[in-house]
Amino acid sequence: MEEMKKDETMEEMMENPEQETAEQATEETTEVIDETAQKIADLEQQSADYLDKYQRCLAEFDNFRKRTAKEKAGMYDDGVRDTVEKLLMVIDNLERAVAAQEDKADENDAFFKGVQMTLKQFQDVLKSIGVEEIKAVGEKFDPNLHAAVAHEDDENYGENEIILEMLKGYQYKDKVIRHSMVKVAN
């Protein structure tokens, strides 16, 4: 029975050779289409992988750039604080010299005026770079800004009120360079 079918198929092919060629061409075209579709799918996947890697690289570079800028600004701020901290001793001494001679000096004392001008220049430079004095006398004691070195019980002052500043404190961009040394009441 199978031989009869084969014979019939062979006879049909011989009778209609164009149909066989068309069927083969259809099969080959289908195979080519399937292979092309598979290649396209593979390339699309590869393209998606490359796009993902590219986007990750861009994000990593942007994070690196931001982190580097932040570190650079932090190093600058640390440098300013370190430098100002070293200059504060000079400013303290100039303030003491002016305070000691303020009542005694006459108006024509050029040396005293020079020391006053030098102190004023230092103070102006500190302000121009953003260094501020920490307010103390009359303020409430704040351990973040002040260092209490003495205590006094006096009913004339409020609780934890600063009554004397022994050494000025300074801050730069909300970070304390040096705490104010103060005397606190009650």
Protein backbone atom coordinates (compact mmCIF):
# COMPACT_ATOMS: atom_id res chain seq x y z
CA MET A 1 0.00 0.00 0.00
CA GLU A 2 2.83 2.32 0.74
CA GLU A 3 4.41 1.53 -2.54
CA MET A 4 1.23 2.52 -4.29
CA LYS A 5 1.23 5.87 -2.55
CA LYS A 6 4.84 6.46 -3.50
CA ASP A 7 4.10 5.56 -7.05
CA GLU A 8 1.12 7.84 -7.12
CA THR A 9 3.20 10.69 -5.67
CA MET A 10 5.93 10.07 -8.22
CA GLU A 11 3.43 10.06 -11.00
CA GLU A 12 1.94 13.32 -9.75
CA MET A 13 5.39 14.87 -9.60
CA MET A 14 6.14 13.83 -13.07
CA GLU A 15 2.86 15.14 -14.22
CA ASN A 16 3.27 18.47 -12.32
CA PRO A 17 6.98 19.36 -11.83
CA GLU A 18 6.17 23.05 -11.15
CA GLN A 19 4.24 22.14 -8.02
CA GLU A 20 7.27 20.31 -6.60
CA THR A 21 9.56 23.28 -7.23
CA ALA A 22 7.06 25.67 -5.67
CA GLU A 23 6.77 23.48 -2.58
CA GLN A 24 10.53 23.25 -2.25
CA ALA A 25 10.85 27.00 -2.73
CA THR A 26 8.19 27.57 -0.06
CA GLU A 27 10.00 25.29 2.35
CA GLU A 28 13.34 26.96 1.64
CA THR A 29 11.80 30.42 2.00
CA THR A 30 10.21 29.41 5.29
CA GLU A 31 13.57 28.13 6.53
CA VAL A 32 15.31 31.36 5.45
CA ILE A 33 12.59 33.45 7.13
CA ASP A 34 12.91 31.42 10.34
CA GLU A 35 16.72 31.76 10.31
CA THR A 36 16.46 35.50 9.61
CA ALA A 37 13.90 35.96 12.37
CA GLN A 38 16.20 34.11 14.78
CA LYS A 39 19.16 36.28 13.75
CA ILE A 40 17.05 39.43 14.21
CA ALA A 41 15.95 38.25 17.67
CA ASP A 42 19.58 37.52 18.61
CA LEU A 43 20.71 40.92 17.36
CA GLU A 44 17.87 42.66 19.20
CA GLN A 45 18.92 40.90 22.41
CA GLN A 46 22.54 41.84 21.85
CA SER A 47 21.50 45.43 21.12
CA ALA A 48 19.45 45.55 24.34
CA ASP A 49 22.45 44.21 26.28
CA TYR A 50 24.73 46.87 24.79
CA LEU A 51 22.20 49.61 25.55
CA ASP A 52 21.94 48.42 29.15
CA LYS A 53 25.73 48.39 29.52
CA TYR A 54 25.96 51.85 27.97
CA GLN A 55 23.31 53.26 30.32
CA ARG A 56 25.04 51.70 33.33
CA CYS A 57 28.37 53.20 32.25
CA LEU A 58 26.77 56.63 31.89
CA ALA A 59 25.19 56.35 35.34
CA GLU A 60 28.49 55.19 36.90
CA PHE A 61 30.36 58.06 35.25
CA ASP A 62 27.78 60.59 36.43
CA ASN A 63 28.03 59.24 39.99
CA PHE A 64 31.82 59.37 39.77
CA ARG A 65 31.72 62.97 38.55
CA LYS A 66 29.37 64.02 41.37
CA ARG A 67 31.37 62.16 44.01
CA THR A 68 34.62 63.72 42.78
CA ALA A 69 33.14 67.23 42.82
CA LYS A 70 31.83 66.65 46.35
CA GLU A 71 35.21 65.34 47.53
CA LYS A 72 36.96 68.29 45.91
CA ALA A 73 34.67 70.77 47.68
CA GLY A 74 35.17 68.88 50.94
CA MET A 75 38.95 69.04 50.58
CA TYR A 76 38.73 72.79 49.91
CA ASP A 77 36.55 73.30 52.99
CA ASP A 78 38.90 71.20 55.12
CA GLY A 79 41.85 73.23 53.86
CA VAL A 80 40.11 76.50 54.71
CA ARG A 81 39.23 75.26 58.20
CA ASP A 82 42.78 74.04 58.88
CA THR A 83 44.32 77.30 57.69
CA VAL A 84 41.89 79.48 59.62
CA GLU A 85 42.43 77.40 62.75
CA LYS A 86 46.15 78.16 62.60
CA LEU A 87 45.52 81.88 62.02
CA LEU A 88 43.13 82.17 64.97
CA MET A 89 46.03 82.31 67.42
CA VAL A 90 47.40 85.36 65.61
CA ILE A 91 43.98 87.03 65.64
CA ASP A 92 43.58 86.25 69.36
CA ASN A 93 46.92 87.90 70.10
CA LEU A 94 46.03 90.97 68.04
CA GLU A 95 42.70 91.24 69.89
CA ARG A 96 44.49 91.00 73.24
CA ALA A 97 46.99 93.67 72.19
CA VAL A 98 44.21 96.03 71.11
CA ALA A 99 42.18 95.36 74.28
CA ALA A 100 45.22 95.96 76.52
CA GLN A 101 46.11 99.28 74.92
CA GLU A 102 42.65 100.59 74.00
CA ASP A 103 42.23 102.70 77.15
CA LYS A 104 45.89 103.76 77.35
CA ALA A 105 46.61 104.67 73.72
CA ASP A 106 46.25 108.22 72.50
CA GLU A 107 44.76 109.19 69.14
CA ASN A 108 48.15 109.80 67.53
CA ASP A 109 49.72 106.43 68.41
CA ALA A 110 50.58 105.08 64.93
CA PHE A 111 51.69 101.69 66.20
CA PHE A 112 48.39 101.10 68.00
CA LYS A 113 46.42 102.20 64.91
CA GLY A 114 48.49 99.81 62.79
CA VAL A 115 47.69 96.90 65.08
CA GLN A 116 43.99 97.85 65.00
CA MET A 117 44.04 98.04 61.20
CA THR A 118 45.80 94.67 60.95
CA LEU A 119 43.18 93.10 63.23
CA LYS A 120 40.38 94.64 61.15
CA GLN A 121 41.93 93.28 57.96
CA PHE A 122 42.13 89.78 59.43
CA GLN A 123 38.49 89.97 60.51
CA ASP A 124 37.42 91.21 57.06
CA VAL A 125 39.31 88.41 55.34
CA LEU A 126 37.64 85.83 57.58
CA LYS A 127 34.21 87.25 56.78
CA SER A 128 34.93 87.31 53.05
CA ILE A 129 35.72 83.59 52.98
CA GLY A 130 32.67 82.72 55.08
CA VAL A 131 34.15 82.35 58.56
CA GLU A 132 31.86 83.72 61.27
CA GLU A 133 32.28 84.38 64.95
CA ILE A 134 30.07 82.29 67.20
CA LYS A 135 27.83 84.50 69.30
CA ALA A 136 28.26 83.83 72.99
CA VAL A 137 27.55 86.49 75.65
CA GLY A 138 23.84 86.66 76.42
CA GLU A 139 23.06 83.51 74.42
CA LYS A 140 21.88 80.15 75.73
CA PHE A 141 24.66 77.62 76.19
CA ASP A 142 24.86 75.24 73.23
CA PRO A 143 27.37 72.38 73.61
CA ASN A 144 27.65 72.20 69.82
CA LEU A 145 29.03 75.75 69.70
CA HIS A 146 30.35 76.51 73.18
CA ALA A 147 32.74 74.89 75.64
CA ALA A 148 31.87 75.69 79.26
CA VAL A 149 35.05 76.18 81.27
CA ALA A 150 33.46 77.88 84.28
CA HIS A 151 30.10 77.98 86.06
CA GLU A 152 28.57 80.61 88.30
CA ASP A 153 25.35 80.69 90.30
CA ASP A 154 23.85 84.14 89.84
CA GLU A 155 20.14 84.92 90.01
CA ASN A 156 20.61 87.99 87.77
CA TYR A 157 21.03 85.72 84.74
CA GLY A 158 18.78 83.12 83.17
CA GLU A 159 19.36 79.38 83.22
CA ASN A 160 22.32 78.24 81.09
CA GLU A 161 23.00 81.82 79.97
CA ILE A 162 26.52 82.68 78.88
CA ILE A 163 27.87 85.55 80.98
CA LEU A 164 31.50 85.70 79.87
CA GLU A 165 33.39 84.73 76.72
CA MET A 166 36.99 83.84 77.48
CA LEU A 167 37.97 82.84 73.94
CA LYS A 168 36.02 83.51 70.74
CA GLY A 169 34.73 80.63 68.74
CA TYR A 170 34.50 80.49 64.95
CA GLN A 171 32.58 78.43 62.42
CA TYR A 172 32.83 77.89 58.68
CA LYS A 173 29.80 76.75 56.69
CA ASP A 174 27.98 75.45 59.76
CA LYS A 175 31.03 73.50 60.97
CA VAL A 176 32.76 74.65 64.11
CA ILE A 177 36.42 75.52 63.69
CA ARG A 178 36.89 76.34 67.36
CA HIS A 179 34.32 76.29 70.16
CA SER A 180 33.81 79.44 72.24
CA MET A 181 35.22 79.05 75.74
CA VAL A 182 32.60 80.51 78.03
CA LYS A 183 31.43 80.96 81.60
CA VAL A 184 27.84 79.87 82.15
CA ALA A 185 25.38 81.07 84.79
CA ASN A 186 23.00 78.84 86.77
